[in-house]
Amino acid sequence: YLAAATSVPQAKEAALRALILDPQLPEAHAALGLVLDTGEWDFYNAEKSLQRAIQLSPSYVYSHQWYAAVLLKTGRPDEALREAETAAQLDPLSPAALASVGWMNYYSHHFDQTLRIADDLRKEYPQYPDVCMLRADTMIAKQAFADAIRALAICAPEIKGTPLYLRSLAVAQGLSGDTFGATSTLNSMLAMRAQRPVSESSLAAVYANLNRPDESFY
């Protein structure tokens, strides 16, 4: 894990350098689109870069997968789902592509379909990191908080203790009424910031669900 202030400029510089070396390289356009999306929230230019990548190589899976995220953030969930499904069709053996379809369904509030995809992932790729997170966050959305905590309990070891894992755990604990457990998990997230980046939005989500709005906005 690297801090965004360090990693985003380096990633952008590398993508632009690749485009100088080969302006027709679809992977470079896609990489630039990803950086503009996740690192700079420049959705307009991210979309242009990813569209160019798809134009140059329609079969490049990541272009479709990353473009789906941009479409979702710009209020086009149906298009986002189609792009994610295209990525999964192009590489049916990719757990990441299938998970992307799951997340697009999740953010579109198609929770039952999301759970079916999570079950498919668990059968085929039981150790894939998104399996437990996809199921847990969907259970939280369905207000099945005990089920969410059980889903998190069987996460792969490399996922337990990560900031996103702790966020979902703290939210599930807080919404289930376990204020003590949620506060303890929140304190673990705060302590973690000395060693690795922890998303401010993750902390805000926990504070909000603990009914601490001032700290959530801060």
C-alpha atoms as a PDB file:
ATOM      1  CA  TYR A   1       0.000   0.000   0.000  1.00  0.00           C
ATOM      2  CA  LEU A   2       1.331   3.404  -1.037  1.00  0.00           C
ATOM      3  CA  ALA A   3       0.004   6.838  -0.194  1.00  0.00           C
ATOM      4  CA  ALA A   4      -2.019   8.344  -3.039  1.00  0.00           C
ATOM      5  CA  ALA A   5       0.049  11.534  -2.914  1.00  0.00           C
ATOM      6  CA  THR A   6       3.072   9.450  -3.937  1.00  0.00           C
ATOM      7  CA  SER A   7       1.628   6.684  -6.073  1.00  0.00           C
ATOM      8  CA  VAL A   8      -0.828   8.630  -8.246  1.00  0.00           C
ATOM      9  CA  PRO A   9       1.747  11.023  -9.785  1.00  0.00           C
ATOM     10  CA  GLN A  10       4.128   8.114 -10.383  1.00  0.00           C
ATOM     11  CA  ALA A  11       1.421   6.044 -12.045  1.00  0.00           C
ATOM     12  CA  LYS A  12       0.328   8.946 -14.239  1.00  0.00           C
ATOM     13  CA  GLU A  13       3.901   9.693 -15.250  1.00  0.00           C
ATOM     14  CA  ALA A  14       4.446   6.050 -16.225  1.00  0.00           C
ATOM     15  CA  ALA A  15       1.240   5.931 -18.288  1.00  0.00           C
ATOM     16  CA  LEU A  16       2.098   9.168 -20.105  1.00  0.00           C
ATOM     17  CA  ARG A  17       5.629   7.942 -20.756  1.00  0.00           C
ATOM     18  CA  ALA A  18       4.214   4.746 -22.272  1.00  0.00           C
ATOM     19  CA  LEU A  19       1.988   6.816 -24.549  1.00  0.00           C
ATOM     20  CA  ILE A  20       4.981   8.861 -25.707  1.00  0.00           C
ATOM     21  CA  LEU A  21       6.759   5.628 -26.603  1.00  0.00           C
ATOM     22  CA  ASP A  22       3.685   4.173 -28.339  1.00  0.00           C
ATOM     23  CA  PRO A  23       0.565   6.342 -28.781  1.00  0.00           C
ATOM     24  CA  GLN A  24      -1.333   3.327 -30.104  1.00  0.00           C
ATOM     25  CA  LEU A  25      -0.780   1.146 -27.029  1.00  0.00           C
ATOM     26  CA  PRO A  26      -4.210   0.282 -25.584  1.00  0.00           C
ATOM     27  CA  GLU A  27      -2.821  -0.764 -22.201  1.00  0.00           C
ATOM     28  CA  ALA A  28      -1.272   2.692 -21.763  1.00  0.00           C
ATOM     29  CA  HIS A  29      -4.534   4.480 -22.549  1.00  0.00           C
ATOM     30  CA  ALA A  30      -6.346   2.171 -20.131  1.00  0.00           C
ATOM     31  CA  ALA A  31      -3.756   2.732 -17.398  1.00  0.00           C
ATOM     32  CA  LEU A  32      -4.045   6.487 -17.822  1.00  0.00           C
ATOM     33  CA  GLY A  33      -7.821   6.209 -17.621  1.00  0.00           C
ATOM     34  CA  LEU A  34      -7.560   4.249 -14.386  1.00  0.00           C
ATOM     35  CA  VAL A  35      -5.252   6.859 -12.854  1.00  0.00           C
ATOM     36  CA  LEU A  36      -7.484   9.740 -13.931  1.00  0.00           C
ATOM     37  CA  ASP A  37     -10.509   7.937 -12.481  1.00  0.00           C
ATOM     38  CA  THR A  38      -9.259   6.628  -9.157  1.00  0.00           C
ATOM     39  CA  GLY A  39      -6.409   9.055  -8.530  1.00  0.00           C
ATOM     40  CA  GLU A  40      -7.712  12.380  -9.805  1.00  0.00           C
ATOM     41  CA  TRP A  41     -11.494  11.897 -10.141  1.00  0.00           C
ATOM     42  CA  ASP A  42     -11.239  13.341 -13.641  1.00  0.00           C
ATOM     43  CA  PHE A  43     -14.069  11.242 -15.010  1.00  0.00           C
ATOM     44  CA  TYR A  44     -14.373  13.124 -18.296  1.00  0.00           C
ATOM     45  CA  ASN A  45     -10.797  12.467 -19.397  1.00  0.00           C
ATOM     46  CA  ALA A  46     -10.783   9.014 -17.799  1.00  0.00           C
ATOM     47  CA  GLU A  47     -13.699   8.072 -20.025  1.00  0.00           C
ATOM     48  CA  LYS A  48     -11.922   9.426 -23.099  1.00  0.00           C
ATOM     49  CA  SER A  49      -8.788   7.401 -22.325  1.00  0.00           C
ATOM     50  CA  LEU A  50     -10.708   4.199 -21.685  1.00  0.00           C
ATOM     51  CA  GLN A  51     -12.841   4.647 -24.796  1.00  0.00           C
ATOM     52  CA  ARG A  52      -9.639   5.047 -26.805  1.00  0.00           C
ATOM     53  CA  ALA A  53      -8.215   1.884 -25.246  1.00  0.00           C
ATOM     54  CA  ILE A  54     -11.357  -0.050 -26.197  1.00  0.00           C
ATOM     55  CA  GLN A  55     -11.234   1.370 -29.709  1.00  0.00           C
ATOM     56  CA  LEU A  56      -7.627   0.223 -30.135  1.00  0.00           C
ATOM     57  CA  SER A  57      -8.208  -3.215 -28.595  1.00  0.00           C
ATOM     58  CA  PRO A  58     -11.840  -4.235 -28.015  1.00  0.00           C
ATOM     59  CA  SER A  59     -10.720  -7.499 -26.402  1.00  0.00           C
ATOM     60  CA  TYR A  60      -8.558  -5.914 -23.682  1.00  0.00           C
ATOM     61  CA  VAL A  61     -10.448  -6.939 -20.549  1.00  0.00           C
ATOM     62  CA  TYR A  62      -9.267  -4.264 -18.136  1.00  0.00           C
ATOM     63  CA  SER A  63     -10.423  -1.413 -20.380  1.00  0.00           C
ATOM     64  CA  HIS A  64     -14.011  -2.622 -20.063  1.00  0.00           C
ATOM     65  CA  GLN A  65     -13.659  -3.408 -16.368  1.00  0.00           C
ATOM     66  CA  TRP A  66     -12.237   0.015 -15.495  1.00  0.00           C
ATOM     67  CA  TYR A  67     -14.623   1.810 -17.832  1.00  0.00           C
ATOM     68  CA  ALA A  68     -17.516   0.217 -15.943  1.00  0.00           C
ATOM     69  CA  ALA A  69     -16.368   1.970 -12.777  1.00  0.00           C
ATOM     70  CA  VAL A  70     -16.292   5.353 -14.535  1.00  0.00           C
ATOM     71  CA  LEU A  71     -19.769   4.825 -15.945  1.00  0.00           C
ATOM     72  CA  LEU A  72     -21.085   3.929 -12.509  1.00  0.00           C
ATOM     73  CA  LYS A  73     -19.590   7.045 -10.920  1.00  0.00           C
ATOM     74  CA  THR A  74     -21.095   9.244 -13.608  1.00  0.00           C
ATOM     75  CA  GLY A  75     -24.604   7.955 -13.054  1.00  0.00           C
ATOM     76  CA  ARG A  76     -24.919   5.346 -15.808  1.00  0.00           C
ATOM     77  CA  PRO A  77     -25.375   2.067 -13.911  1.00  0.00           C
ATOM     78  CA  ASP A  78     -26.956   0.150 -16.807  1.00  0.00           C
ATOM     79  CA  GLU A  79     -24.029   0.965 -19.103  1.00  0.00           C
ATOM     80  CA  ALA A  80     -21.617   0.168 -16.282  1.00  0.00           C
ATOM     81  CA  LEU A  81     -23.138  -3.277 -15.835  1.00  0.00           C
ATOM     82  CA  ARG A  82     -22.921  -3.969 -19.577  1.00  0.00           C
ATOM     83  CA  GLU A  83     -19.229  -3.055 -19.633  1.00  0.00           C
ATOM     84  CA  ALA A  84     -18.511  -5.254 -16.624  1.00  0.00           C
ATOM     85  CA  GLU A  85     -20.383  -8.136 -18.245  1.00  0.00           C
ATOM     86  CA  THR A  86     -18.382  -7.614 -21.435  1.00  0.00           C
ATOM     87  CA  ALA A  87     -15.164  -7.946 -19.443  1.00  0.00           C
ATOM     88  CA  ALA A  88     -16.418 -11.163 -17.833  1.00  0.00           C
ATOM     89  CA  GLN A  89     -17.390 -12.583 -21.225  1.00  0.00           C
ATOM     90  CA  LEU A  90     -13.970 -11.748 -22.654  1.00  0.00           C
ATOM     91  CA  ASP A  91     -12.220 -13.550 -19.789  1.00  0.00           C
ATOM     92  CA  PRO A  92     -14.648 -16.017 -18.185  1.00  0.00           C
ATOM     93  CA  LEU A  93     -11.842 -17.474 -16.043  1.00  0.00           C
ATOM     94  CA  SER A  94     -11.059 -14.138 -14.389  1.00  0.00           C
ATOM     95  CA  PRO A  95     -12.382 -13.827 -10.824  1.00  0.00           C
ATOM     96  CA  ALA A  96     -11.688 -10.083 -10.957  1.00  0.00           C
ATOM     97  CA  ALA A  97     -13.960  -9.642 -13.967  1.00  0.00           C
ATOM     98  CA  LEU A  98     -16.744 -11.673 -12.350  1.00  0.00           C
ATOM     99  CA  ALA A  99     -16.329  -9.716  -9.108  1.00  0.00           C
ATOM    100  CA  SER A 100     -16.639  -6.491 -11.077  1.00  0.00           C
ATOM    101  CA  VAL A 101     -20.037  -7.659 -12.355  1.00  0.00           C
ATOM    102  CA  GLY A 102     -20.954  -8.359  -8.754  1.00  0.00           C
ATOM    103  CA  TRP A 103     -19.957  -4.895  -7.586  1.00  0.00           C
ATOM    104  CA  MET A 104     -21.823  -3.228 -10.446  1.00  0.00           C
ATOM    105  CA  ASN A 105     -24.940  -5.127  -9.351  1.00  0.00           C
ATOM    106  CA  TYR A 106     -24.277  -4.167  -5.736  1.00  0.00           C
ATOM    107  CA  TYR A 107     -24.042  -0.452  -6.471  1.00  0.00           C
ATOM    108  CA  SER A 108     -27.154  -0.733  -8.653  1.00  0.00           C
ATOM    109  CA  HIS A 109     -28.984  -2.229  -5.623  1.00  0.00           C
ATOM    110  CA  HIS A 110     -29.502  -5.606  -7.337  1.00  0.00           C
ATOM    111  CA  PHE A 111     -28.620  -7.355  -4.100  1.00  0.00           C
ATOM    112  CA  ASP A 112     -30.035 -10.807  -4.819  1.00  0.00           C
ATOM    113  CA  GLN A 113     -28.098 -10.989  -8.078  1.00  0.00           C
ATOM    114  CA  THR A 114     -24.996  -9.790  -6.232  1.00  0.00           C
ATOM    115  CA  LEU A 115     -25.323 -12.650  -3.757  1.00  0.00           C
ATOM    116  CA  ARG A 116     -25.671 -15.174  -6.588  1.00  0.00           C
ATOM    117  CA  ILE A 117     -22.449 -13.875  -8.104  1.00  0.00           C
ATOM    118  CA  ALA A 118     -20.749 -14.011  -4.709  1.00  0.00           C
ATOM    119  CA  ASP A 119     -21.824 -17.658  -4.396  1.00  0.00           C
ATOM    120  CA  ASP A 120     -20.405 -18.412  -7.850  1.00  0.00           C
ATOM    121  CA  LEU A 121     -17.138 -16.762  -6.880  1.00  0.00           C
ATOM    122  CA  ARG A 122     -16.963 -18.714  -3.628  1.00  0.00           C
ATOM    123  CA  LYS A 123     -17.447 -22.023  -5.454  1.00  0.00           C
ATOM    124  CA  GLU A 124     -14.876 -21.338  -8.164  1.00  0.00           C
ATOM    125  CA  TYR A 125     -12.381 -19.092  -6.366  1.00  0.00           C
ATOM    126  CA  PRO A 126     -12.848 -19.537  -2.596  1.00  0.00           C
ATOM    127  CA  GLN A 127      -9.665 -17.622  -1.735  1.00  0.00           C
ATOM    128  CA  TYR A 128     -10.327 -14.656  -3.998  1.00  0.00           C
ATOM    129  CA  PRO A 129     -10.362 -11.527  -1.781  1.00  0.00           C
ATOM    130  CA  ASP A 130     -13.585 -10.039  -3.098  1.00  0.00           C
ATOM    131  CA  VAL A 131     -15.651 -13.104  -2.219  1.00  0.00           C
ATOM    132  CA  CYS A 132     -16.217 -12.330   1.441  1.00  0.00           C
ATOM    133  CA  MET A 133     -16.236  -8.563   1.002  1.00  0.00           C
ATOM    134  CA  LEU A 134     -18.869  -8.704  -1.735  1.00  0.00           C
ATOM    135  CA  ARG A 135     -21.100 -10.941   0.361  1.00  0.00           C
ATOM    136  CA  ALA A 136     -20.535  -8.998   3.583  1.00  0.00           C
ATOM    137  CA  ASP A 137     -21.254  -5.569   2.104  1.00  0.00           C
ATOM    138  CA  THR A 138     -24.367  -6.927   0.395  1.00  0.00           C
ATOM    139  CA  MET A 139     -25.586  -8.383   3.676  1.00  0.00           C
ATOM    140  CA  ILE A 140     -25.046  -5.002   5.318  1.00  0.00           C
ATOM    141  CA  ALA A 141     -27.118  -3.383   2.560  1.00  0.00           C
ATOM    142  CA  LYS A 142     -29.853  -5.970   3.187  1.00  0.00           C
ATOM    143  CA  GLN A 143     -29.619  -5.197   6.937  1.00  0.00           C
ATOM    144  CA  ALA A 144     -28.571  -8.772   7.710  1.00  0.00           C
ATOM    145  CA  PHE A 145     -25.768  -7.637   9.996  1.00  0.00           C
ATOM    146  CA  ALA A 146     -25.101 -10.948  11.741  1.00  0.00           C
ATOM    147  CA  ASP A 147     -24.745 -12.635   8.343  1.00  0.00           C
ATOM    148  CA  ALA A 148     -22.331  -9.891   7.294  1.00  0.00           C
ATOM    149  CA  ILE A 149     -20.155 -10.489  10.352  1.00  0.00           C
ATOM    150  CA  ARG A 150     -20.167 -14.244   9.664  1.00  0.00           C
ATOM    151  CA  ALA A 151     -19.127 -13.602   6.051  1.00  0.00           C
ATOM    152  CA  LEU A 152     -16.232 -11.454   7.234  1.00  0.00           C
ATOM    153  CA  ALA A 153     -15.160 -14.116   9.724  1.00  0.00           C
ATOM    154  CA  ILE A 154     -14.294 -16.535   6.903  1.00  0.00           C
ATOM    155  CA  CYS A 155     -12.353 -14.021   4.806  1.00  0.00           C
ATOM    156  CA  ALA A 156      -8.946 -15.123   3.574  1.00  0.00           C
ATOM    157  CA  PRO A 157      -6.114 -14.309   6.016  1.00  0.00           C
ATOM    158  CA  GLU A 158      -4.587 -11.704   3.695  1.00  0.00           C
ATOM    159  CA  ILE A 159      -7.839  -9.726   3.759  1.00  0.00           C
ATOM    160  CA  LYS A 160      -8.409  -9.700   7.494  1.00  0.00           C
ATOM    161  CA  GLY A 161      -6.883  -6.603   9.001  1.00  0.00           C
ATOM    162  CA  THR A 162      -6.966  -4.528   5.816  1.00  0.00           C
ATOM    163  CA  PRO A 163      -8.628  -1.090   6.026  1.00  0.00           C
ATOM    164  CA  LEU A 164     -11.618  -2.096   3.859  1.00  0.00           C
ATOM    165  CA  TYR A 165     -12.166  -5.249   5.887  1.00  0.00           C
ATOM    166  CA  LEU A 166     -12.096  -3.301   9.145  1.00  0.00           C
ATOM    167  CA  ARG A 167     -14.460  -0.684   7.701  1.00  0.00           C
ATOM    168  CA  SER A 168     -17.068  -3.292   6.796  1.00  0.00           C
ATOM    169  CA  LEU A 169     -16.628  -5.066  10.123  1.00  0.00           C
ATOM    170  CA  ALA A 170     -17.005  -1.846  12.117  1.00  0.00           C
ATOM    171  CA  VAL A 171     -20.086  -0.809  10.140  1.00  0.00           C
ATOM    172  CA  ALA A 172     -21.712  -4.232  10.601  1.00  0.00           C
ATOM    173  CA  GLN A 173     -20.885  -4.218  14.305  1.00  0.00           C
ATOM    174  CA  GLY A 174     -22.221  -0.708  14.789  1.00  0.00           C
ATOM    175  CA  LEU A 175     -25.463  -1.307  12.920  1.00  0.00           C
ATOM    176  CA  SER A 176     -26.043  -4.549  14.815  1.00  0.00           C
ATOM    177  CA  GLY A 177     -25.864  -2.648  18.101  1.00  0.00           C
ATOM    178  CA  ASP A 178     -22.357  -3.744  19.113  1.00  0.00           C
ATOM    179  CA  THR A 179     -21.059  -0.234  19.785  1.00  0.00           C
ATOM    180  CA  PHE A 180     -18.158  -1.528  21.867  1.00  0.00           C
ATOM    181  CA  GLY A 181     -16.968  -3.855  19.093  1.00  0.00           C
ATOM    182  CA  ALA A 182     -17.384  -1.181  16.421  1.00  0.00           C
ATOM    183  CA  THR A 183     -15.440   1.345  18.476  1.00  0.00           C
ATOM    184  CA  SER A 184     -12.658  -1.173  19.061  1.00  0.00           C
ATOM    185  CA  THR A 185     -12.446  -1.885  15.327  1.00  0.00           C
ATOM    186  CA  LEU A 186     -12.441   1.857  14.603  1.00  0.00           C
ATOM    187  CA  ASN A 187      -9.539   2.307  17.024  1.00  0.00           C
ATOM    188  CA  SER A 188      -7.639  -0.398  15.117  1.00  0.00           C
ATOM    189  CA  MET A 189      -8.184   1.553  11.906  1.00  0.00           C
ATOM    190  CA  LEU A 190      -6.950   4.759  13.502  1.00  0.00           C
ATOM    191  CA  ALA A 191      -3.847   3.018  14.868  1.00  0.00           C
ATOM    192  CA  MET A 192      -3.185   1.482  11.467  1.00  0.00           C
ATOM    193  CA  ARG A 193      -2.671   4.913   9.890  1.00  0.00           C
ATOM    194  CA  ALA A 194       0.841   5.009  11.347  1.00  0.00           C
ATOM    195  CA  GLN A 195       1.860   2.071   9.110  1.00  0.00           C
ATOM    196  CA  ARG A 196      -0.297   2.294   5.970  1.00  0.00           C
ATOM    197  CA  PRO A 197      -2.859   4.516   4.242  1.00  0.00           C
ATOM    198  CA  VAL A 198      -6.422   4.269   5.536  1.00  0.00           C
ATOM    199  CA  SER A 199      -9.145   5.818   3.405  1.00  0.00           C
ATOM    200  CA  GLU A 200     -10.789   8.826   5.006  1.00  0.00           C
ATOM    201  CA  SER A 201     -14.071   7.750   3.422  1.00  0.00           C
ATOM    202  CA  SER A 202     -13.810   4.413   5.245  1.00  0.00           C
ATOM    203  CA  LEU A 203     -13.343   6.192   8.558  1.00  0.00           C
ATOM    204  CA  ALA A 204     -16.225   8.539   7.735  1.00  0.00           C
ATOM    205  CA  ALA A 205     -18.511   5.575   7.067  1.00  0.00           C
ATOM    206  CA  VAL A 206     -17.698   4.076  10.461  1.00  0.00           C
ATOM    207  CA  TYR A 207     -18.178   7.361  12.313  1.00  0.00           C
ATOM    208  CA  ALA A 208     -21.507   7.912  10.551  1.00  0.00           C
ATOM    209  CA  ASN A 209     -22.798   4.482  11.525  1.00  0.00           C
ATOM    210  CA  LEU A 210     -21.716   5.096  15.112  1.00  0.00           C
ATOM    211  CA  ASN A 211     -23.855   8.267  15.074  1.00  0.00           C
ATOM    212  CA  ARG A 212     -20.798  10.508  15.339  1.00  0.00           C
ATOM    213  CA  PRO A 213     -21.554  12.895  12.457  1.00  0.00           C
ATOM    214  CA  ASP A 214     -19.151  15.667  13.484  1.00  0.00           C
ATOM    215  CA  GLU A 215     -16.187  13.293  13.286  1.00  0.00           C
ATOM    216  CA  SER A 216     -17.543  11.783  10.072  1.00  0.00           C
ATOM    217  CA  PHE A 217     -17.522  15.184   8.338  1.00  0.00           C
ATOM    218  CA  TYR A 218     -14.204  16.163   9.869  1.00  0.00           C
END
